[in-house]
């Protein structure tokens, strides 16, 4: 069984699309869906209520939310899915239990050429450096996840940090199909500005700046 863990906060506009196509897997008992809410003030939970197996509530923070979800997961494979990222049933079934950890390639739900170029370089970076971000749908064997004690308790960059831990065990398996993720952050905050900000935050993280400071800059 696959356990799909979805951290959310105020995702009423996205959550039903994300969940509806996963219901076939639930009906076949091939997956469970664990929604972990970080303090939504909209009707995210009400929309998701009949479309998931568990709803948990905790304080906001993807690392915390994903670790809480993993703590009750019954599946042998943990899949960490963002609320604004879409993945198909076929893609989920392509995750085999002999794959220790990995992620998918990514493309955006925006067909403008600049987003195609951006996704190309994200995927190239993943292949060169053997790490993925949350938008690429990380999957991890549950026993390995427990062995490394889950996501580090960071305010941001938890995906980069857990990939660093996992690479000490093995290189990832990058599945040759694309998760579709939202371009909303780039659209809302400016394409080039968002790229430059993310690169700057990544640099600051690698030189040791505390993640609560990075989180305040990320907003």
N, C-alpha and C. Protein backbone atom coordinates (compact mmCIF):
# COMPACT_ATOMS: atom_id res chain seq x y z
N UNK A 1 0.84 -1.20 0.00
CA UNK A 1 0.00 0.00 0.00
C UNK A 1 0.87 1.25 0.00
N UNK A 2 0.37 2.28 -0.66
CA UNK A 2 1.02 3.59 -0.67
C UNK A 2 0.27 4.51 0.27
N UNK A 3 0.99 5.23 1.11
CA UNK A 3 0.39 6.26 1.95
C UNK A 3 0.73 7.62 1.36
N UNK A 4 -0.30 8.35 0.96
CA UNK A 4 -0.12 9.67 0.36
C UNK A 4 -0.38 10.72 1.44
N UNK A 5 0.64 11.51 1.73
CA UNK A 5 0.57 12.48 2.82
C UNK A 5 0.57 13.88 2.21
N UNK A 6 -0.47 14.64 2.52
CA UNK A 6 -0.67 15.96 1.90
C UNK A 6 -0.73 17.03 2.98
N UNK A 7 0.31 17.85 3.11
CA UNK A 7 0.25 18.98 4.04
C UNK A 7 -0.51 20.14 3.41
N UNK A 8 -1.43 20.74 4.15
CA UNK A 8 -2.25 21.81 3.57
C UNK A 8 -2.41 22.96 4.56
N UNK A 9 -2.71 24.10 4.00
CA UNK A 9 -3.25 25.25 4.72
C UNK A 9 -3.94 26.15 3.71
N UNK A 10 -5.24 26.32 3.88
CA UNK A 10 -6.04 27.18 3.01
C UNK A 10 -5.88 26.81 1.53
N UNK A 11 -6.22 25.55 1.23
CA UNK A 11 -6.09 25.05 -0.14
C UNK A 11 -7.45 24.68 -0.73
N UNK A 12 -8.50 25.40 -0.33
CA UNK A 12 -9.84 25.08 -0.80
C UNK A 12 -9.96 25.12 -2.31
N UNK A 13 -9.21 26.00 -2.97
CA UNK A 13 -9.32 26.13 -4.42
C UNK A 13 -8.65 24.98 -5.17
N UNK A 14 -7.74 24.27 -4.52
CA UNK A 14 -6.98 23.23 -5.20
C UNK A 14 -7.29 21.81 -4.76
N UNK A 15 -7.76 21.66 -3.54
CA UNK A 15 -7.73 20.33 -2.92
C UNK A 15 -8.66 19.32 -3.58
N UNK A 16 -9.84 19.75 -4.05
CA UNK A 16 -10.76 18.77 -4.63
C UNK A 16 -10.19 18.19 -5.92
N UNK A 17 -9.58 19.03 -6.77
CA UNK A 17 -8.97 18.53 -8.01
C UNK A 17 -7.86 17.54 -7.69
N UNK A 18 -7.09 17.85 -6.67
CA UNK A 18 -5.98 16.99 -6.30
C UNK A 18 -6.46 15.64 -5.80
N UNK A 19 -7.57 15.63 -5.10
CA UNK A 19 -8.03 14.41 -4.43
C UNK A 19 -8.96 13.55 -5.28
N UNK A 20 -9.76 14.17 -6.14
CA UNK A 20 -10.81 13.41 -6.85
C UNK A 20 -10.25 12.28 -7.68
N UNK A 21 -9.14 12.52 -8.36
CA UNK A 21 -8.62 11.48 -9.25
C UNK A 21 -7.90 10.37 -8.50
N UNK A 22 -7.70 10.54 -7.18
CA UNK A 22 -7.06 9.51 -6.37
C UNK A 22 -8.06 8.52 -5.79
N UNK A 23 -9.35 8.77 -6.00
CA UNK A 23 -10.36 7.94 -5.36
C UNK A 23 -10.39 6.51 -5.89
N UNK A 24 -10.02 6.33 -7.16
CA UNK A 24 -9.96 4.97 -7.71
C UNK A 24 -8.97 4.12 -6.92
N UNK A 25 -7.81 4.69 -6.59
CA UNK A 25 -6.82 3.96 -5.79
C UNK A 25 -7.36 3.64 -4.40
N UNK A 26 -8.09 4.58 -3.82
CA UNK A 26 -8.69 4.31 -2.49
C UNK A 26 -9.69 3.17 -2.57
N UNK A 27 -10.52 3.18 -3.61
CA UNK A 27 -11.53 2.12 -3.74
C UNK A 27 -10.89 0.75 -3.92
N UNK A 28 -9.70 0.73 -4.55
CA UNK A 28 -8.99 -0.53 -4.76
C UNK A 28 -8.10 -0.89 -3.57
N UNK A 29 -8.15 -0.07 -2.52
CA UNK A 29 -7.30 -0.27 -1.33
C UNK A 29 -5.82 -0.28 -1.69
N UNK A 30 -5.47 0.46 -2.73
CA UNK A 30 -4.07 0.56 -3.13
C UNK A 30 -3.37 1.73 -2.45
N UNK A 31 -4.14 2.60 -1.84
CA UNK A 31 -3.53 3.73 -1.16
C UNK A 31 -4.41 4.20 -0.01
N UNK A 32 -3.82 4.94 0.89
CA UNK A 32 -4.55 5.72 1.88
C UNK A 32 -4.10 7.16 1.71
N UNK A 33 -5.00 8.08 2.02
CA UNK A 33 -4.69 9.51 1.89
C UNK A 33 -4.79 10.15 3.26
N UNK A 34 -3.71 10.79 3.66
CA UNK A 34 -3.63 11.43 4.97
C UNK A 34 -3.46 12.93 4.74
N UNK A 35 -4.46 13.69 5.12
CA UNK A 35 -4.40 15.15 4.99
C UNK A 35 -3.98 15.74 6.34
N UNK A 36 -2.96 16.59 6.32
CA UNK A 36 -2.46 17.18 7.56
C UNK A 36 -2.61 18.69 7.45
N UNK A 37 -3.54 19.23 8.21
CA UNK A 37 -3.86 20.64 8.11
C UNK A 37 -3.05 21.46 9.10
N UNK A 38 -2.50 22.57 8.59
CA UNK A 38 -1.68 23.44 9.42
C UNK A 38 -2.38 24.73 9.81
N UNK A 39 -3.70 24.64 10.08
CA UNK A 39 -4.42 25.81 10.56
C UNK A 39 -5.22 26.54 9.51
N UNK A 40 -5.89 25.80 8.63
CA UNK A 40 -6.69 26.44 7.59
C UNK A 40 -7.82 27.27 8.19
N UNK A 41 -8.07 28.40 7.56
CA UNK A 41 -9.20 29.25 7.97
C UNK A 41 -10.28 29.28 6.88
N UNK A 42 -10.08 28.54 5.80
CA UNK A 42 -11.12 28.40 4.77
C UNK A 42 -11.77 27.02 4.94
N UNK A 43 -12.44 26.54 3.92
CA UNK A 43 -13.15 25.26 4.06
C UNK A 43 -12.40 24.08 3.44
N UNK A 44 -11.07 24.13 3.50
CA UNK A 44 -10.25 23.02 3.00
C UNK A 44 -10.68 21.69 3.61
N UNK A 45 -10.81 21.64 4.92
CA UNK A 45 -11.12 20.38 5.60
C UNK A 45 -12.49 19.87 5.21
N UNK A 46 -13.46 20.77 5.12
CA UNK A 46 -14.82 20.35 4.75
C UNK A 46 -14.85 19.75 3.35
N UNK A 47 -14.11 20.34 2.43
CA UNK A 47 -14.06 19.81 1.06
C UNK A 47 -13.40 18.44 1.03
N UNK A 48 -12.35 18.28 1.81
CA UNK A 48 -11.55 17.05 1.77
C UNK A 48 -12.15 15.92 2.60
N UNK A 49 -13.08 16.22 3.45
CA UNK A 49 -13.52 15.30 4.49
C UNK A 49 -13.87 13.90 3.97
N UNK A 50 -14.62 13.81 2.88
CA UNK A 50 -15.03 12.51 2.36
C UNK A 50 -14.10 11.95 1.29
N UNK A 51 -13.00 12.64 1.06
CA UNK A 51 -12.08 12.24 0.00
C UNK A 51 -10.75 11.73 0.52
N UNK A 52 -10.60 11.67 1.84
CA UNK A 52 -9.35 11.21 2.45
C UNK A 52 -9.67 10.19 3.55
N UNK A 53 -8.64 9.49 3.98
CA UNK A 53 -8.83 8.48 5.03
C UNK A 53 -8.60 9.04 6.43
N UNK A 54 -7.73 10.03 6.53
CA UNK A 54 -7.44 10.63 7.83
C UNK A 54 -7.24 12.13 7.64
N UNK A 55 -7.74 12.90 8.60
CA UNK A 55 -7.45 14.33 8.66
C UNK A 55 -6.83 14.62 10.03
N UNK A 56 -5.63 15.16 9.99
CA UNK A 56 -4.92 15.50 11.21
C UNK A 56 -4.73 17.01 11.26
N UNK A 57 -4.66 17.56 12.44
CA UNK A 57 -4.44 18.99 12.61
C UNK A 57 -3.20 19.22 13.47
N UNK A 58 -2.36 20.13 13.03
CA UNK A 58 -1.15 20.44 13.77
C UNK A 58 -0.75 21.87 13.45
N UNK A 59 0.34 22.34 14.00
CA UNK A 59 0.78 23.69 13.67
C UNK A 59 1.40 23.70 12.29
N UNK A 60 1.45 24.89 11.71
CA UNK A 60 1.92 25.05 10.34
C UNK A 60 3.42 24.78 10.23
N UNK A 61 3.79 24.11 9.15
CA UNK A 61 5.19 23.78 8.87
C UNK A 61 5.22 22.46 8.14
N UNK A 62 5.68 22.46 6.89
CA UNK A 62 5.63 21.22 6.10
C UNK A 62 6.37 20.07 6.76
N UNK A 63 7.52 20.34 7.36
CA UNK A 63 8.27 19.26 8.02
C UNK A 63 7.44 18.63 9.11
N UNK A 64 6.87 19.46 9.97
CA UNK A 64 6.03 18.96 11.07
C UNK A 64 4.82 18.22 10.52
N UNK A 65 4.13 18.84 9.58
CA UNK A 65 2.92 18.24 9.04
C UNK A 65 3.19 16.89 8.38
N UNK A 66 4.27 16.81 7.61
CA UNK A 66 4.57 15.57 6.91
C UNK A 66 5.03 14.48 7.88
N UNK A 67 5.77 14.85 8.91
CA UNK A 67 6.18 13.87 9.91
C UNK A 67 4.98 13.34 10.69
N UNK A 68 4.05 14.22 11.03
CA UNK A 68 2.83 13.78 11.73
C UNK A 68 2.05 12.81 10.86
N UNK A 69 1.90 13.14 9.59
CA UNK A 69 1.19 12.24 8.68
C UNK A 69 1.87 10.89 8.57
N UNK A 70 3.19 10.91 8.45
CA UNK A 70 3.94 9.65 8.33
C UNK A 70 3.82 8.79 9.57
N UNK A 71 3.63 9.42 10.72
CA UNK A 71 3.59 8.67 11.99
C UNK A 71 2.39 7.73 12.08
N UNK A 72 1.32 8.00 11.32
CA UNK A 72 0.15 7.11 11.36
C UNK A 72 -0.01 6.30 10.08
N UNK A 73 0.92 6.48 9.13
CA UNK A 73 0.80 5.84 7.82
C UNK A 73 0.92 4.32 7.94
N UNK A 74 0.09 3.61 7.19
CA UNK A 74 0.12 2.15 7.17
C UNK A 74 0.88 1.60 5.97
N UNK A 75 1.12 2.42 4.98
CA UNK A 75 1.75 1.95 3.76
C UNK A 75 3.24 1.70 3.90
N UNK A 76 3.75 0.88 3.00
CA UNK A 76 5.19 0.63 2.95
C UNK A 76 5.94 1.74 2.23
N UNK A 77 5.21 2.48 1.40
CA UNK A 77 5.78 3.60 0.66
C UNK A 77 5.06 4.87 1.09
N UNK A 78 5.82 5.88 1.46
CA UNK A 78 5.27 7.18 1.82
C UNK A 78 5.46 8.12 0.63
N UNK A 79 4.38 8.75 0.21
CA UNK A 79 4.41 9.71 -0.90
C UNK A 79 4.00 11.07 -0.34
N UNK A 80 4.83 12.06 -0.53
CA UNK A 80 4.58 13.39 0.01
C UNK A 80 4.15 14.30 -1.14
N UNK A 81 2.88 14.65 -1.12
CA UNK A 81 2.25 15.36 -2.23
C UNK A 81 1.79 16.74 -1.80
N UNK A 82 2.21 17.77 -2.52
CA UNK A 82 1.73 19.12 -2.25
C UNK A 82 0.32 19.30 -2.81
N UNK A 83 -0.44 20.16 -2.18
CA UNK A 83 -1.84 20.34 -2.56
C UNK A 83 -1.99 20.95 -3.95
N UNK A 84 -0.97 21.64 -4.43
CA UNK A 84 -1.06 22.26 -5.76
C UNK A 84 -0.25 21.49 -6.80
N UNK A 85 0.04 20.22 -6.52
CA UNK A 85 0.77 19.37 -7.45
C UNK A 85 -0.10 18.18 -7.81
N UNK A 86 -0.16 17.87 -9.08
CA UNK A 86 -1.06 16.83 -9.59
C UNK A 86 -0.24 15.65 -10.10
N UNK A 87 -0.66 14.47 -9.68
CA UNK A 87 0.02 13.24 -10.13
C UNK A 87 -1.05 12.20 -10.44
N UNK A 88 -0.82 11.40 -11.46
CA UNK A 88 -1.85 10.47 -11.91
C UNK A 88 -1.78 9.14 -11.15
N UNK A 89 -2.87 8.40 -11.26
CA UNK A 89 -2.92 7.05 -10.68
C UNK A 89 -1.81 6.18 -11.27
N UNK A 90 -1.64 6.24 -12.58
CA UNK A 90 -0.61 5.43 -13.24
C UNK A 90 0.77 5.76 -12.70
N UNK A 91 1.04 7.04 -12.47
CA UNK A 91 2.35 7.44 -11.94
C UNK A 91 2.54 6.89 -10.53
N UNK A 92 1.52 6.96 -9.71
CA UNK A 92 1.64 6.44 -8.35
C UNK A 92 1.89 4.94 -8.36
N UNK A 93 1.23 4.22 -9.26
CA UNK A 93 1.42 2.78 -9.33
C UNK A 93 2.79 2.40 -9.89
N UNK A 94 3.49 3.37 -10.49
CA UNK A 94 4.84 3.09 -11.00
C UNK A 94 5.88 3.08 -9.89
N UNK A 95 5.49 3.49 -8.69
CA UNK A 95 6.42 3.47 -7.55
C UNK A 95 6.46 2.05 -6.99
N UNK A 96 7.56 1.39 -7.15
CA UNK A 96 7.70 0.00 -6.71
C UNK A 96 8.35 -0.05 -5.33
N UNK A 97 8.03 -1.10 -4.60
CA UNK A 97 8.51 -1.20 -3.23
C UNK A 97 10.01 -1.48 -3.13
N UNK A 98 10.64 -1.82 -4.26
CA UNK A 98 12.08 -2.03 -4.21
C UNK A 98 12.86 -0.74 -4.47
N UNK A 99 12.14 0.37 -4.61
CA UNK A 99 12.78 1.67 -4.78
C UNK A 99 12.86 2.36 -3.42
N UNK A 100 14.06 2.57 -2.93
CA UNK A 100 14.23 3.10 -1.58
C UNK A 100 13.67 4.51 -1.46
N UNK A 101 14.01 5.36 -2.41
CA UNK A 101 13.46 6.71 -2.40
C UNK A 101 13.67 7.35 -3.76
N UNK A 102 12.95 8.41 -4.00
CA UNK A 102 13.10 9.10 -5.28
C UNK A 102 12.03 10.17 -5.44
N UNK A 103 11.81 10.53 -6.68
CA UNK A 103 10.85 11.58 -6.99
C UNK A 103 10.61 11.58 -8.49
N UNK A 104 9.71 12.44 -8.93
CA UNK A 104 9.35 12.54 -10.34
C UNK A 104 10.03 13.75 -10.97
N UNK A 105 10.05 13.78 -12.28
CA UNK A 105 10.35 15.02 -12.97
C UNK A 105 9.17 15.97 -12.76
N UNK A 106 9.36 17.22 -13.11
CA UNK A 106 8.31 18.20 -12.88
C UNK A 106 8.09 19.05 -14.12
N UNK A 107 6.85 19.45 -14.31
CA UNK A 107 6.55 20.52 -15.25
C UNK A 107 5.40 21.35 -14.67
N UNK A 108 5.24 22.54 -15.20
CA UNK A 108 4.27 23.48 -14.65
C UNK A 108 2.95 23.41 -15.41
N UNK A 109 1.89 23.86 -14.72
CA UNK A 109 0.58 23.89 -15.35
C UNK A 109 0.39 25.17 -16.17
N UNK A 110 1.48 25.70 -16.67
CA UNK A 110 1.51 26.91 -17.48
C UNK A 110 2.38 26.61 -18.70
N UNK A 111 1.82 26.77 -19.88
CA UNK A 111 2.52 26.37 -21.09
C UNK A 111 3.42 27.44 -21.69
N UNK A 112 3.58 28.56 -21.00
CA UNK A 112 4.48 29.59 -21.50
C UNK A 112 5.90 29.04 -21.57
N UNK A 113 6.64 29.50 -22.58
CA UNK A 113 7.98 28.97 -22.83
C UNK A 113 8.89 29.15 -21.62
N UNK A 114 8.73 30.23 -20.87
CA UNK A 114 9.60 30.46 -19.72
C UNK A 114 9.43 29.38 -18.66
N UNK A 115 8.22 28.82 -18.54
CA UNK A 115 8.00 27.75 -17.56
C UNK A 115 8.55 26.42 -18.07
N UNK A 116 8.53 26.23 -19.37
CA UNK A 116 9.15 25.03 -19.93
C UNK A 116 10.66 25.06 -19.73
N UNK A 117 11.25 26.24 -19.90
CA UNK A 117 12.69 26.38 -19.66
C UNK A 117 13.01 26.16 -18.19
N UNK A 118 12.19 26.73 -17.31
CA UNK A 118 12.42 26.57 -15.88
C UNK A 118 12.33 25.10 -15.46
N UNK A 119 11.32 24.40 -15.93
CA UNK A 119 11.19 22.99 -15.56
C UNK A 119 12.36 22.16 -16.12
N UNK A 120 12.83 22.51 -17.32
CA UNK A 120 13.99 21.81 -17.88
C UNK A 120 15.19 21.92 -16.95
N UNK A 121 15.45 23.12 -16.46
CA UNK A 121 16.63 23.30 -15.60
C UNK A 121 16.42 22.70 -14.21
N UNK A 122 15.20 22.69 -13.71
CA UNK A 122 14.94 22.01 -12.45
C UNK A 122 15.22 20.52 -12.59
N UNK A 123 14.74 19.92 -13.66
CA UNK A 123 14.95 18.49 -13.88
C UNK A 123 16.42 18.17 -14.14
N UNK A 124 17.10 19.05 -14.86
CA UNK A 124 18.54 18.85 -15.08
C UNK A 124 19.29 18.90 -13.76
N UNK A 125 18.97 19.87 -12.93
CA UNK A 125 19.61 19.98 -11.60
C UNK A 125 19.39 18.71 -10.79
N UNK A 126 18.16 18.18 -10.83
CA UNK A 126 17.87 16.97 -10.06
C UNK A 126 18.71 15.80 -10.51
N UNK A 127 18.90 15.67 -11.82
CA UNK A 127 19.70 14.57 -12.34
C UNK A 127 21.18 14.73 -12.01
N UNK A 128 21.66 15.97 -12.04
CA UNK A 128 23.08 16.21 -11.78
C UNK A 128 23.43 16.07 -10.31
N UNK A 129 22.54 16.52 -9.45
CA UNK A 129 22.86 16.59 -8.02
C UNK A 129 22.08 15.61 -7.16
N UNK A 130 21.21 14.82 -7.77
CA UNK A 130 20.49 13.76 -7.05
C UNK A 130 19.68 14.28 -5.86
N UNK A 131 18.94 15.34 -6.09
CA UNK A 131 17.96 15.75 -5.08
C UNK A 131 16.75 16.37 -5.77
N UNK A 132 15.63 16.28 -5.08
CA UNK A 132 14.40 16.84 -5.59
C UNK A 132 13.75 17.73 -4.56
N UNK A 133 12.81 18.53 -5.01
CA UNK A 133 12.06 19.40 -4.10
C UNK A 133 10.65 18.85 -3.91
N UNK A 134 9.92 19.44 -3.00
CA UNK A 134 8.58 18.93 -2.70
C UNK A 134 7.65 18.91 -3.89
N UNK A 135 7.81 19.84 -4.82
CA UNK A 135 6.97 19.87 -6.01
C UNK A 135 7.18 18.67 -6.92
N UNK A 136 8.26 17.92 -6.68
CA UNK A 136 8.56 16.75 -7.50
C UNK A 136 8.03 15.46 -6.89
N UNK A 137 7.28 15.56 -5.83
CA UNK A 137 6.60 14.43 -5.19
C UNK A 137 7.61 13.39 -4.69
N UNK A 138 8.20 13.68 -3.57
CA UNK A 138 9.15 12.75 -2.95
C UNK A 138 8.44 11.49 -2.48
N UNK A 139 9.05 10.34 -2.71
CA UNK A 139 8.55 9.09 -2.15
C UNK A 139 9.69 8.38 -1.44
N UNK A 140 9.37 7.72 -0.32
CA UNK A 140 10.39 7.12 0.54
C UNK A 140 9.83 5.85 1.16
N UNK A 141 10.61 4.78 1.16
CA UNK A 141 10.22 3.59 1.91
C UNK A 141 10.04 3.96 3.38
N UNK A 142 8.97 3.47 3.99
CA UNK A 142 8.66 3.87 5.35
C UNK A 142 9.76 3.49 6.33
N UNK A 143 10.33 2.30 6.18
CA UNK A 143 11.38 1.90 7.12
C UNK A 143 12.62 2.78 7.00
N UNK A 144 12.92 3.24 5.78
CA UNK A 144 14.04 4.16 5.58
C UNK A 144 13.71 5.53 6.17
N UNK A 145 12.48 5.98 5.97
CA UNK A 145 12.04 7.25 6.53
C UNK A 145 12.19 7.24 8.05
N UNK A 146 11.78 6.14 8.67
CA UNK A 146 11.91 6.03 10.13
C UNK A 146 13.38 5.95 10.55
N UNK A 147 14.18 5.27 9.75
CA UNK A 147 15.60 5.12 10.08
C UNK A 147 16.30 6.47 10.14
N UNK A 148 15.95 7.38 9.23
CA UNK A 148 16.60 8.70 9.21
C UNK A 148 15.84 9.72 10.06
N UNK A 149 14.79 9.24 10.76
CA UNK A 149 13.99 10.07 11.67
C UNK A 149 13.23 11.17 10.94
N UNK A 150 12.82 10.88 9.71
CA UNK A 150 11.92 11.76 8.99
C UNK A 150 12.54 13.07 8.54
N UNK A 151 11.65 14.02 8.29
CA UNK A 151 12.10 15.34 7.87
C UNK A 151 12.74 16.07 9.05
N UNK A 152 13.87 16.73 8.83
CA UNK A 152 14.43 17.59 9.88
C UNK A 152 13.44 18.69 10.23
N UNK A 153 13.41 19.06 11.50
CA UNK A 153 12.44 20.04 11.96
C UNK A 153 12.88 21.46 11.57
N UNK A 154 12.70 21.76 10.29
CA UNK A 154 13.11 23.04 9.75
C UNK A 154 11.89 23.83 9.29
N UNK A 155 11.98 25.14 9.31
CA UNK A 155 10.89 25.99 8.87
C UNK A 155 10.75 26.01 7.34
N UNK A 156 11.84 25.72 6.66
CA UNK A 156 11.89 25.74 5.20
C UNK A 156 13.09 24.89 4.79
N UNK A 157 13.14 24.47 3.56
CA UNK A 157 14.24 23.64 3.03
C UNK A 157 14.23 22.22 3.58
N UNK A 158 13.10 21.80 4.12
CA UNK A 158 13.03 20.45 4.67
C UNK A 158 13.21 19.39 3.59
N UNK A 159 12.78 19.71 2.35
CA UNK A 159 12.94 18.75 1.26
C UNK A 159 14.40 18.57 0.87
N UNK A 160 15.13 19.68 0.83
CA UNK A 160 16.57 19.60 0.52
C UNK A 160 17.30 18.83 1.62
N UNK A 161 16.92 19.11 2.87
CA UNK A 161 17.60 18.47 4.00
C UNK A 161 17.37 16.96 4.03
N UNK A 162 16.14 16.52 3.75
CA UNK A 162 15.89 15.08 3.81
C UNK A 162 16.57 14.38 2.64
N UNK A 163 16.66 15.03 1.48
CA UNK A 163 17.38 14.43 0.36
C UNK A 163 18.86 14.24 0.71
N UNK A 164 19.42 15.19 1.43
CA UNK A 164 20.83 15.05 1.85
C UNK A 164 21.01 13.84 2.75
N UNK A 165 20.06 13.62 3.65
CA UNK A 165 20.12 12.43 4.52
C UNK A 165 19.98 11.16 3.71
N UNK A 166 19.03 11.16 2.78
CA UNK A 166 18.76 9.95 2.01
C UNK A 166 19.90 9.58 1.08
N UNK A 167 20.60 10.58 0.56
CA UNK A 167 21.71 10.29 -0.36
C UNK A 167 22.85 9.55 0.33
N UNK A 168 22.91 9.62 1.66
CA UNK A 168 23.92 8.85 2.38
C UNK A 168 23.61 7.36 2.35
N UNK A 169 22.36 7.03 2.06
CA UNK A 169 21.94 5.63 1.98
C UNK A 169 21.99 5.13 0.54
N UNK A 170 21.43 5.92 -0.38
CA UNK A 170 21.47 5.55 -1.80
C UNK A 170 21.11 6.77 -2.64
N UNK A 171 21.45 6.71 -3.90
CA UNK A 171 21.00 7.73 -4.83
C UNK A 171 19.51 7.53 -5.12
N UNK A 172 18.81 8.58 -5.50
CA UNK A 172 17.37 8.45 -5.75
C UNK A 172 17.08 7.76 -7.09
N UNK A 173 15.88 7.21 -7.18
CA UNK A 173 15.34 6.78 -8.46
C UNK A 173 14.42 7.90 -8.95
N UNK A 174 14.81 8.53 -10.05
CA UNK A 174 14.01 9.60 -10.62
C UNK A 174 13.10 8.98 -11.68
N UNK A 175 11.80 8.98 -11.39
CA UNK A 175 10.84 8.36 -12.30
C UNK A 175 10.66 9.23 -13.54
N UNK A 176 10.70 8.60 -14.68
CA UNK A 176 10.72 9.35 -15.95
C UNK A 176 9.31 9.72 -16.41
N UNK A 177 8.61 10.43 -15.57
CA UNK A 177 7.34 11.04 -15.94
C UNK A 177 7.18 12.29 -15.09
N UNK A 178 6.24 13.14 -15.47
CA UNK A 178 6.19 14.48 -14.90
C UNK A 178 5.01 14.68 -13.96
N UNK A 179 5.30 15.11 -12.74
CA UNK A 179 4.27 15.66 -11.87
C UNK A 179 3.97 17.07 -12.37
N UNK A 180 2.71 17.46 -12.30
CA UNK A 180 2.30 18.78 -12.76
C UNK A 180 2.10 19.68 -11.55
N UNK A 181 2.87 20.74 -11.47
CA UNK A 181 2.77 21.62 -10.31
C UNK A 181 2.34 23.02 -10.73
N UNK A 182 1.81 23.75 -9.79
CA UNK A 182 1.26 25.08 -10.06
C UNK A 182 2.37 26.12 -10.23
N UNK A 183 2.12 27.05 -11.12
CA UNK A 183 3.04 28.17 -11.32
C UNK A 183 2.63 29.39 -10.48
N UNK A 184 1.72 29.19 -9.53
CA UNK A 184 1.10 30.34 -8.86
C UNK A 184 2.11 31.23 -8.13
N UNK A 185 3.12 30.66 -7.50
CA UNK A 185 4.09 31.52 -6.79
C UNK A 185 4.83 32.42 -7.77
N UNK A 186 5.26 31.87 -8.89
CA UNK A 186 5.96 32.66 -9.90
C UNK A 186 5.03 33.71 -10.51
N UNK A 187 3.78 33.32 -10.72
CA UNK A 187 2.80 34.25 -11.28
C UNK A 187 2.50 35.39 -10.32
N UNK A 188 2.35 35.05 -9.04
CA UNK A 188 1.94 36.05 -8.05
C UNK A 188 3.07 37.00 -7.66
N UNK A 189 4.30 36.48 -7.63
CA UNK A 189 5.41 37.27 -7.09
C UNK A 189 6.43 37.70 -8.15
N UNK A 190 6.17 37.32 -9.39
CA UNK A 190 7.09 37.69 -10.46
C UNK A 190 8.02 36.54 -10.80
N UNK A 191 8.14 36.24 -12.07
CA UNK A 191 8.91 35.07 -12.52
C UNK A 191 10.38 35.18 -12.15
N UNK A 192 11.05 36.21 -12.63
CA UNK A 192 12.49 36.34 -12.36
C UNK A 192 12.75 36.63 -10.89
N UNK A 193 11.90 37.44 -10.29
CA UNK A 193 12.08 37.76 -8.87
C UNK A 193 12.02 36.50 -8.02
N UNK A 194 11.08 35.61 -8.33
CA UNK A 194 10.94 34.38 -7.54
C UNK A 194 12.13 33.45 -7.75
N UNK A 195 12.60 33.33 -8.97
CA UNK A 195 13.78 32.50 -9.23
C UNK A 195 14.99 33.02 -8.45
N UNK A 196 15.22 34.33 -8.53
CA UNK A 196 16.37 34.91 -7.83
C UNK A 196 16.23 34.76 -6.32
N UNK A 197 15.02 34.94 -5.81
CA UNK A 197 14.82 34.80 -4.37
C UNK A 197 15.10 33.36 -3.93
N UNK A 198 14.61 32.40 -4.69
CA UNK A 198 14.82 31.00 -4.31
C UNK A 198 16.29 30.62 -4.37
N UNK A 199 17.01 31.13 -5.38
CA UNK A 199 18.44 30.85 -5.45
C UNK A 199 19.18 31.47 -4.27
N UNK A 200 18.78 32.69 -3.91
CA UNK A 200 19.41 33.37 -2.78
C UNK A 200 19.13 32.61 -1.48
N UNK A 201 17.89 32.17 -1.29
CA UNK A 201 17.55 31.43 -0.08
C UNK A 201 18.31 30.11 -0.01
N UNK A 202 18.46 29.44 -1.16
CA UNK A 202 19.20 28.18 -1.19
C UNK A 202 20.67 28.42 -0.80
N UNK A 203 21.25 29.50 -1.29
CA UNK A 203 22.63 29.84 -0.95
C UNK A 203 22.75 30.13 0.55
N UNK A 204 21.83 30.92 1.07
CA UNK A 204 21.87 31.26 2.50
C UNK A 204 21.72 30.02 3.37
N UNK A 205 20.87 29.10 2.92
CA UNK A 205 20.69 27.84 3.66
C UNK A 205 22.01 27.06 3.69
N UNK A 206 22.69 26.99 2.57
CA UNK A 206 23.92 26.19 2.50
C UNK A 206 25.07 26.81 3.29
N UNK A 207 25.01 28.11 3.53
CA UNK A 207 26.07 28.71 4.35
C UNK A 207 25.67 28.79 5.82
N UNK A 208 24.51 28.21 6.15
CA UNK A 208 24.17 28.04 7.55
C UNK A 208 23.22 29.05 8.17
N UNK A 209 22.56 29.87 7.38
CA UNK A 209 21.57 30.81 7.93
C UNK A 209 20.39 30.01 8.47
N UNK A 210 19.91 30.37 9.65
CA UNK A 210 18.82 29.65 10.30
C UNK A 210 17.55 29.71 9.46
N UNK A 211 16.81 28.59 9.47
CA UNK A 211 15.67 28.50 8.57
C UNK A 211 14.49 29.37 9.00
N UNK A 212 14.41 29.76 10.27
CA UNK A 212 13.31 30.67 10.63
C UNK A 212 13.54 32.05 10.01
N UNK A 213 14.80 32.41 9.79
CA UNK A 213 15.11 33.66 9.08
C UNK A 213 14.77 33.50 7.60
N UNK A 214 15.14 32.36 7.01
CA UNK A 214 14.84 32.12 5.62
C UNK A 214 13.33 32.11 5.37
N UNK A 215 12.58 31.54 6.31
CA UNK A 215 11.13 31.49 6.17
C UNK A 215 10.54 32.90 6.11
N UNK A 216 11.04 33.79 6.93
CA UNK A 216 10.53 35.16 6.91
C UNK A 216 10.85 35.86 5.59
N UNK A 217 11.96 35.50 4.97
CA UNK A 217 12.33 36.08 3.68
C UNK A 217 11.55 35.44 2.53
N UNK A 218 11.09 34.23 2.72
CA UNK A 218 10.40 33.47 1.67
C UNK A 218 9.00 34.01 1.37
N UNK A 219 8.38 34.62 2.37
CA UNK A 219 6.99 35.06 2.23
C UNK A 219 6.84 36.09 1.12
